[in-house]
Amino acid sequence: MLTAQEHLALAERNEQFAEAISSMPQRFPEWEITALFYSALHYASAFLASQGYNPNNHSLRNHLIGDLTSVGLDYQNLYRLSMNTRYRGMQYTLQQVDAIKAGPFRRVKAEMLALLRK
């Protein structure tokens, strides 16, 4: 079981990876979305760990984030987008990726960090 701090380190690392690949001459939207989702997952897991939870699957984590925070829909949207690109081969534009980062990802990250400071 990872600690909240360990989850935060992984969240930051995934976010840094998303940033790094977004600045490449050729962007890879599917990997940016995947990295943003996993960053959000670790921000959420950091909060959950601070509350004594250690969900071992996406379904339970999705449920807990929906019950314990106000960004459950944003988190589930990131999960869905990641599943779509990884397993269903759906394509997203660079503008969509930028909107995902500025919208649901930013909101999930901000809420999780705020809850961790309480």
C-alpha atoms as a PDB file:
ATOM      1  CA  MET A   1       0.000   0.000   0.000  1.00  0.00           C
ATOM      2  CA  LEU A   2       1.445   3.354  -1.048  1.00  0.00           C
ATOM      3  CA  THR A   3       1.341   6.386   1.192  1.00  0.00           C
ATOM      4  CA  ALA A   4      -0.298   9.652   0.211  1.00  0.00           C
ATOM      5  CA  GLN A   5       3.169  11.139  -0.394  1.00  0.00           C
ATOM      6  CA  GLU A   6       4.170   8.256  -2.641  1.00  0.00           C
ATOM      7  CA  HIS A   7       0.969   8.674  -4.644  1.00  0.00           C
ATOM      8  CA  LEU A   8       1.661  12.407  -4.962  1.00  0.00           C
ATOM      9  CA  ALA A   9       5.137  11.694  -6.322  1.00  0.00           C
ATOM     10  CA  LEU A  10       3.649   9.338  -8.924  1.00  0.00           C
ATOM     11  CA  ALA A  11       0.957  11.889  -9.805  1.00  0.00           C
ATOM     12  CA  GLU A  12       3.590  14.545 -10.396  1.00  0.00           C
ATOM     13  CA  ARG A  13       5.719  12.169 -12.447  1.00  0.00           C
ATOM     14  CA  ASN A  14       2.808  11.230 -14.713  1.00  0.00           C
ATOM     15  CA  GLU A  15       1.895  14.902 -15.085  1.00  0.00           C
ATOM     16  CA  GLN A  16       5.498  15.719 -16.012  1.00  0.00           C
ATOM     17  CA  PHE A  17       5.410  12.959 -18.614  1.00  0.00           C
ATOM     18  CA  ALA A  18       2.204  14.380 -20.099  1.00  0.00           C
ATOM     19  CA  GLU A  19       3.867  17.808 -20.253  1.00  0.00           C
ATOM     20  CA  ALA A  20       7.020  16.407 -21.849  1.00  0.00           C
ATOM     21  CA  ILE A  21       5.201  14.580 -24.621  1.00  0.00           C
ATOM     22  CA  SER A  22       2.898  17.541 -25.258  1.00  0.00           C
ATOM     23  CA  SER A  23       5.939  19.638 -26.173  1.00  0.00           C
ATOM     24  CA  MET A  24       7.329  17.145 -28.678  1.00  0.00           C
ATOM     25  CA  PRO A  25       7.280  18.128 -32.362  1.00  0.00           C
ATOM     26  CA  GLN A  26       4.808  15.295 -32.992  1.00  0.00           C
ATOM     27  CA  ARG A  27       2.193  15.002 -30.267  1.00  0.00           C
ATOM     28  CA  PHE A  28       0.571  11.750 -29.219  1.00  0.00           C
ATOM     29  CA  PRO A  29      -2.917  12.601 -27.880  1.00  0.00           C
ATOM     30  CA  GLU A  30      -3.648   9.047 -26.752  1.00  0.00           C
ATOM     31  CA  TRP A  31      -0.580   9.002 -24.500  1.00  0.00           C
ATOM     32  CA  GLU A  32      -1.215  12.502 -23.181  1.00  0.00           C
ATOM     33  CA  ILE A  33      -4.740  11.461 -22.154  1.00  0.00           C
ATOM     34  CA  THR A  34      -3.450   8.243 -20.597  1.00  0.00           C
ATOM     35  CA  ALA A  35      -0.748  10.067 -18.628  1.00  0.00           C
ATOM     36  CA  LEU A  36      -3.250  12.700 -17.450  1.00  0.00           C
ATOM     37  CA  PHE A  37      -5.627   9.985 -16.281  1.00  0.00           C
ATOM     38  CA  TYR A  38      -2.910   8.174 -14.341  1.00  0.00           C
ATOM     39  CA  SER A  39      -1.793  11.438 -12.820  1.00  0.00           C
ATOM     40  CA  ALA A  40      -5.389  12.080 -11.711  1.00  0.00           C
ATOM     41  CA  LEU A  41      -5.601   8.491 -10.422  1.00  0.00           C
ATOM     42  CA  HIS A  42      -2.595   9.058  -8.177  1.00  0.00           C
ATOM     43  CA  TYR A  43      -3.833  12.463  -6.982  1.00  0.00           C
ATOM     44  CA  ALA A  44      -7.113  10.745  -6.092  1.00  0.00           C
ATOM     45  CA  SER A  45      -5.303   7.803  -4.506  1.00  0.00           C
ATOM     46  CA  ALA A  46      -3.223  10.201  -2.395  1.00  0.00           C
ATOM     47  CA  PHE A  47      -6.411  11.711  -1.002  1.00  0.00           C
ATOM     48  CA  LEU A  48      -7.973   8.291  -0.454  1.00  0.00           C
ATOM     49  CA  ALA A  49      -4.833   7.028   1.302  1.00  0.00           C
ATOM     50  CA  SER A  50      -4.988  10.050   3.613  1.00  0.00           C
ATOM     51  CA  GLN A  51      -8.512   8.933   4.535  1.00  0.00           C
ATOM     52  CA  GLY A  52      -7.461   5.335   5.188  1.00  0.00           C
ATOM     53  CA  TYR A  53      -8.703   3.888   1.878  1.00  0.00           C
ATOM     54  CA  ASN A  54      -6.666   1.680  -0.444  1.00  0.00           C
ATOM     55  CA  PRO A  55      -8.928   0.725  -3.351  1.00  0.00           C
ATOM     56  CA  ASN A  56      -7.419  -2.050  -5.422  1.00  0.00           C
ATOM     57  CA  ASN A  57      -9.500  -1.558  -8.571  1.00  0.00           C
ATOM     58  CA  HIS A  58     -10.888   1.201 -10.759  1.00  0.00           C
ATOM     59  CA  SER A  59     -14.509   0.490  -9.885  1.00  0.00           C
ATOM     60  CA  LEU A  60     -14.017   0.953  -6.149  1.00  0.00           C
ATOM     61  CA  ARG A  61     -11.793   4.016  -6.652  1.00  0.00           C
ATOM     62  CA  ASN A  62     -14.375   5.591  -8.999  1.00  0.00           C
ATOM     63  CA  HIS A  63     -17.099   4.949  -6.424  1.00  0.00           C
ATOM     64  CA  LEU A  64     -15.107   6.432  -3.529  1.00  0.00           C
ATOM     65  CA  ILE A  65     -14.121   9.543  -5.492  1.00  0.00           C
ATOM     66  CA  GLY A  66     -17.770  10.008  -6.450  1.00  0.00           C
ATOM     67  CA  ASP A  67     -18.906   9.664  -2.832  1.00  0.00           C
ATOM     68  CA  LEU A  68     -16.155  11.636  -1.081  1.00  0.00           C
ATOM     69  CA  THR A  69     -15.460  14.535  -3.461  1.00  0.00           C
ATOM     70  CA  SER A  70     -17.223  16.960  -5.767  1.00  0.00           C
ATOM     71  CA  VAL A  71     -15.183  15.906  -8.819  1.00  0.00           C
ATOM     72  CA  GLY A  72     -16.468  12.370  -9.244  1.00  0.00           C
ATOM     73  CA  LEU A  73     -17.880  13.101 -12.691  1.00  0.00           C
ATOM     74  CA  ASP A  74     -14.645  14.742 -13.838  1.00  0.00           C
ATOM     75  CA  TYR A  75     -12.639  11.785 -12.563  1.00  0.00           C
ATOM     76  CA  GLN A  76     -14.941   9.287 -14.258  1.00  0.00           C
ATOM     77  CA  ASN A  77     -14.719  11.325 -17.470  1.00  0.00           C
ATOM     78  CA  LEU A  78     -10.909  11.039 -17.384  1.00  0.00           C
ATOM     79  CA  TYR A  79     -11.234   7.302 -16.750  1.00  0.00           C
ATOM     80  CA  ARG A  80     -13.638   6.920 -19.689  1.00  0.00           C
ATOM     81  CA  LEU A  81     -11.451   8.963 -22.046  1.00  0.00           C
ATOM     82  CA  SER A  82      -8.407   6.889 -21.095  1.00  0.00           C
ATOM     83  CA  MET A  83     -10.299   3.645 -21.650  1.00  0.00           C
ATOM     84  CA  ASN A  84     -11.567   4.922 -25.001  1.00  0.00           C
ATOM     85  CA  THR A  85      -8.130   5.767 -26.302  1.00  0.00           C
ATOM     86  CA  ARG A  86      -6.318   2.745 -24.840  1.00  0.00           C
ATOM     87  CA  TYR A  87      -8.798  -0.019 -25.559  1.00  0.00           C
ATOM     88  CA  ARG A  88     -11.219   1.296 -28.171  1.00  0.00           C
ATOM     89  CA  GLY A  89      -8.732   3.139 -30.372  1.00  0.00           C
ATOM     90  CA  MET A  90     -10.697   6.380 -30.248  1.00  0.00           C
ATOM     91  CA  GLN A  91      -8.803   9.373 -31.551  1.00  0.00           C
ATOM     92  CA  TYR A  92      -8.811  12.820 -29.955  1.00  0.00           C
ATOM     93  CA  THR A  93      -7.637  16.112 -31.387  1.00  0.00           C
ATOM     94  CA  LEU A  94      -4.939  18.202 -29.802  1.00  0.00           C
ATOM     95  CA  GLN A  95      -7.586  20.795 -28.955  1.00  0.00           C
ATOM     96  CA  GLN A  96      -9.597  18.125 -27.132  1.00  0.00           C
ATOM     97  CA  VAL A  97      -6.515  17.036 -25.186  1.00  0.00           C
ATOM     98  CA  ASP A  98      -5.803  20.633 -24.188  1.00  0.00           C
ATOM     99  CA  ALA A  99      -9.445  21.031 -23.069  1.00  0.00           C
ATOM    100  CA  ILE A 100      -9.230  17.816 -21.032  1.00  0.00           C
ATOM    101  CA  LYS A 101      -6.098  19.086 -19.328  1.00  0.00           C
ATOM    102  CA  ALA A 102      -7.574  22.534 -18.621  1.00  0.00           C
ATOM    103  CA  GLY A 103     -10.950  21.132 -17.545  1.00  0.00           C
ATOM    104  CA  PRO A 104     -11.470  17.781 -15.844  1.00  0.00           C
ATOM    105  CA  PHE A 105      -7.799  17.110 -15.098  1.00  0.00           C
ATOM    106  CA  ARG A 106      -7.196  20.556 -13.596  1.00  0.00           C
ATOM    107  CA  ARG A 107     -10.354  20.298 -11.456  1.00  0.00           C
ATOM    108  CA  VAL A 108      -9.523  16.817 -10.136  1.00  0.00           C
ATOM    109  CA  LYS A 109      -5.953  17.817  -9.291  1.00  0.00           C
ATOM    110  CA  ALA A 110      -7.039  21.045  -7.581  1.00  0.00           C
ATOM    111  CA  GLU A 111      -9.693  19.340  -5.466  1.00  0.00           C
ATOM    112  CA  MET A 112      -7.444  16.478  -4.400  1.00  0.00           C
ATOM    113  CA  LEU A 113      -4.662  18.844  -3.369  1.00  0.00           C
ATOM    114  CA  ALA A 114      -7.141  21.053  -1.486  1.00  0.00           C
ATOM    115  CA  LEU A 115      -8.573  18.046   0.351  1.00  0.00           C
ATOM    116  CA  LEU A 116      -5.093  16.860   1.251  1.00  0.00           C
ATOM    117  CA  ARG A 117      -4.330  20.236   2.852  1.00  0.00           C
ATOM    118  CA  LYS A 118      -7.336  19.979   5.197  1.00  0.00           C
END
